[in-house]
Amino acid sequence: MSSIIEQKQQIVSDIADKLKASKSTIVVDYRGLTVSEVTELRKQLREAGVEFKVFKNSMTRRAAEVAELSGLNEALTGPNAIAFSNEDVVAPAKIINDFAKKHEALEIKAGVIEGNIASVEDVKALAELPSREGLLSMLLSVLQAPIRNLALATKAVADQKEEQGA
């Protein structure tokens, strides 16, 4: 009997650790998805380095309280799956939101973004952000613009002086 309790305590501890360690956590209701659709979703998430698991709600509630995220408990009703991302904040939200657009049975219920409880709207807003690579390329183009303009202006002045000298 005590070994079962110890196993459950270990599972709660593992879930709490995942909640604390992940940069982004998304709770979804997967009712109505076929096995092949869930497999496809798991594959997409795995490729992005996101862990997608199903836990008992009672254990997840206890883990949320341990991780000081008890606001998440409101969303923990019915069959839920949880996506944990330790690397990219945007990836799980983007993948799940895109998948939910194609498969109406998938419903985003809540999330945790860098330790803060996030509503469905917050998760969807996060999903609409460009990827990390997209943001970096935007930043790079913004940083390059003044240098490019300076180079063009310098070339224009040099061309103008060359025409005057000729």
Protein backbone atom coordinates (compact mmCIF):
# COMPACT_ATOMS: atom_id res chain seq x y z
CA MET A 1 0.00 0.00 0.00
CA SER A 2 2.73 2.48 0.91
CA SER A 3 4.63 1.71 -2.30
CA ILE A 4 1.62 2.89 -4.33
CA ILE A 5 1.53 6.12 -2.34
CA GLU A 6 5.26 6.56 -2.86
CA GLN A 7 4.82 6.01 -6.61
CA LYS A 8 2.07 8.63 -6.72
CA GLN A 9 4.18 11.07 -4.72
CA GLN A 10 7.03 10.52 -7.17
CA ILE A 11 4.71 11.21 -10.13
CA VAL A 12 3.44 14.40 -8.45
CA SER A 13 7.03 15.45 -7.80
CA ASP A 14 7.98 14.77 -11.44
CA ILE A 15 5.04 16.80 -12.76
CA ALA A 16 5.86 19.67 -10.37
CA ASP A 17 9.49 19.63 -11.54
CA LYS A 18 8.35 19.75 -15.18
CA LEU A 19 6.01 22.66 -14.43
CA LYS A 20 8.81 24.57 -12.71
CA ALA A 21 11.48 23.79 -15.32
CA SER A 22 9.47 24.40 -18.48
CA LYS A 23 9.51 27.77 -20.18
CA SER A 24 6.10 27.09 -21.65
CA THR A 25 3.38 24.63 -20.65
CA ILE A 26 0.07 24.22 -22.51
CA VAL A 27 -2.94 22.27 -21.21
CA VAL A 28 -5.28 20.94 -23.92
CA ASP A 29 -8.47 18.90 -24.11
CA TYR A 30 -7.91 16.24 -26.75
CA ARG A 31 -11.39 14.65 -26.65
CA GLY A 32 -12.64 13.84 -30.13
CA LEU A 33 -9.22 13.43 -31.75
CA THR A 34 -8.53 10.11 -33.41
CA VAL A 35 -5.49 8.07 -32.47
CA SER A 36 -3.79 9.01 -35.75
CA GLU A 37 -4.43 12.73 -35.12
CA VAL A 38 -2.98 12.50 -31.60
CA THR A 39 0.01 10.63 -33.00
CA GLU A 40 0.51 13.33 -35.64
CA LEU A 41 0.34 16.05 -32.94
CA ARG A 42 2.82 14.17 -30.72
CA LYS A 43 5.20 13.82 -33.69
CA GLN A 44 5.08 17.55 -34.48
CA LEU A 45 5.66 18.44 -30.84
CA ARG A 46 8.50 15.90 -30.45
CA GLU A 47 10.26 17.36 -33.50
CA ALA A 48 10.16 20.78 -31.79
CA GLY A 49 11.59 19.36 -28.55
CA VAL A 50 8.25 19.51 -26.70
CA GLU A 51 7.15 16.76 -24.31
CA PHE A 52 3.42 15.87 -24.58
CA LYS A 53 1.95 13.75 -21.77
CA VAL A 54 -1.33 12.73 -20.21
CA PHE A 55 -1.50 12.70 -16.40
CA LYS A 56 -4.31 12.14 -13.93
CA ASN A 57 -5.94 15.45 -13.05
CA SER A 58 -5.72 14.78 -9.31
CA MET A 59 -1.95 14.33 -9.52
CA THR A 60 -1.55 17.34 -11.80
CA ARG A 61 -3.57 19.49 -9.36
CA ARG A 62 -1.29 18.46 -6.49
CA ALA A 63 1.77 19.14 -8.62
CA ALA A 64 0.42 22.58 -9.61
CA GLU A 65 0.01 23.43 -5.92
CA VAL A 66 3.55 22.25 -5.19
CA ALA A 67 4.83 24.39 -8.09
CA GLU A 68 2.76 27.34 -6.77
CA LEU A 69 0.58 27.36 -9.90
CA SER A 70 -2.76 26.54 -8.25
CA GLY A 71 -4.54 28.85 -10.73
CA LEU A 72 -4.01 26.11 -13.28
CA ASN A 73 -6.39 23.80 -11.37
CA GLU A 74 -9.48 25.43 -12.93
CA ALA A 75 -8.48 24.03 -16.32
CA LEU A 76 -7.80 20.53 -15.02
CA THR A 77 -11.18 18.94 -15.65
CA GLY A 78 -11.95 16.18 -18.12
CA PRO A 79 -9.33 14.43 -20.23
CA ASN A 80 -6.27 16.67 -20.53
CA ALA A 81 -2.87 16.44 -22.09
CA ILE A 82 0.00 18.73 -21.20
CA ALA A 83 2.78 19.98 -23.47
CA PHE A 84 6.03 20.96 -21.72
CA SER A 85 8.77 22.93 -23.49
CA ASN A 86 12.09 23.55 -21.76
CA GLU A 87 13.71 25.31 -24.72
CA ASP A 88 11.32 27.39 -26.82
CA VAL A 89 8.50 29.46 -25.31
CA VAL A 90 6.60 29.89 -28.57
CA ALA A 91 6.92 26.41 -30.16
CA PRO A 92 4.25 24.47 -28.21
CA ALA A 93 1.71 27.29 -28.45
CA LYS A 94 2.30 27.70 -32.19
CA ILE A 95 2.14 23.96 -32.97
CA ILE A 96 -0.94 23.33 -30.83
CA ASN A 97 -2.75 26.44 -32.07
CA ASP A 98 -2.08 25.54 -35.72
CA PHE A 99 -3.19 21.96 -35.06
CA ALA A 100 -6.36 23.21 -33.29
CA LYS A 101 -7.25 25.32 -36.35
CA LYS A 102 -7.19 22.19 -38.53
CA HIS A 103 -8.75 19.87 -35.93
CA GLU A 104 -11.60 21.52 -34.07
CA ALA A 105 -11.73 18.74 -31.48
CA LEU A 106 -8.47 19.98 -29.92
CA GLU A 107 -9.15 22.71 -27.38
CA ILE A 108 -6.55 24.84 -25.63
CA LYS A 109 -7.58 25.21 -21.99
CA ALA A 110 -4.77 27.12 -20.27
CA GLY A 111 -1.04 27.53 -20.08
CA VAL A 112 1.94 28.54 -18.03
CA ILE A 113 4.38 30.90 -19.71
CA GLU A 114 7.67 31.36 -17.88
CA GLY A 115 6.08 30.65 -14.50
CA ASN A 116 2.91 32.73 -14.99
CA ILE A 117 -0.58 31.33 -15.56
CA ALA A 118 -1.78 32.17 -19.07
CA SER A 119 -5.34 32.25 -20.36
CA VAL A 120 -6.43 30.73 -23.67
CA GLU A 121 -6.20 34.19 -25.25
CA ASP A 122 -2.63 34.61 -23.96
CA VAL A 123 -1.62 31.25 -25.42
CA LYS A 124 -3.20 32.10 -28.79
CA ALA A 125 -1.50 35.52 -28.80
CA LEU A 126 1.82 33.80 -28.09
CA ALA A 127 1.15 31.40 -30.96
CA GLU A 128 0.74 34.31 -33.38
CA LEU A 129 4.24 35.61 -32.61
CA PRO A 130 6.94 34.80 -35.14
CA SER A 131 9.30 31.98 -34.28
CA ARG A 132 12.62 32.69 -32.56
CA GLU A 133 14.40 32.50 -35.91
CA GLY A 134 11.86 34.92 -37.43
CA LEU A 135 12.34 37.39 -34.59
CA LEU A 136 16.13 37.14 -34.91
CA SER A 137 15.96 37.79 -38.66
CA MET A 138 13.72 40.83 -38.03
CA LEU A 139 16.21 42.13 -35.47
CA LEU A 140 19.10 41.54 -37.86
CA SER A 141 17.38 43.43 -40.68
CA VAL A 142 16.64 46.35 -38.32
CA LEU A 143 20.28 46.42 -37.21
CA GLN A 144 21.56 46.22 -40.79
CA ALA A 145 19.34 49.00 -42.17
CA PRO A 146 21.40 51.98 -40.86
CA ILE A 147 24.65 50.42 -42.05
CA ARG A 148 23.12 49.68 -45.47
CA ASN A 149 21.83 53.26 -45.72
CA LEU A 150 25.25 54.65 -44.74
CA ALA A 151 26.92 52.50 -47.38
CA LEU A 152 24.44 53.65 -50.03
CA ALA A 153 24.90 57.31 -49.06
CA THR A 154 28.70 56.96 -49.14
CA LYS A 155 28.52 55.33 -52.59
CA ALA A 156 26.21 58.09 -53.84
CA VAL A 157 28.63 60.79 -52.62
CA ALA A 158 31.57 58.96 -54.21
CA ASP A 159 29.69 58.61 -57.51
CA GLN A 160 28.74 62.30 -57.44
CA LYS A 161 32.36 63.40 -56.81
CA GLU A 162 33.54 61.10 -59.56
CA GLU A 163 31.08 62.70 -62.02
CA GLN A 164 32.16 66.21 -60.98
CA GLY A 165 35.84 65.30 -61.33
CA ALA A 166 35.42 63.74 -64.79
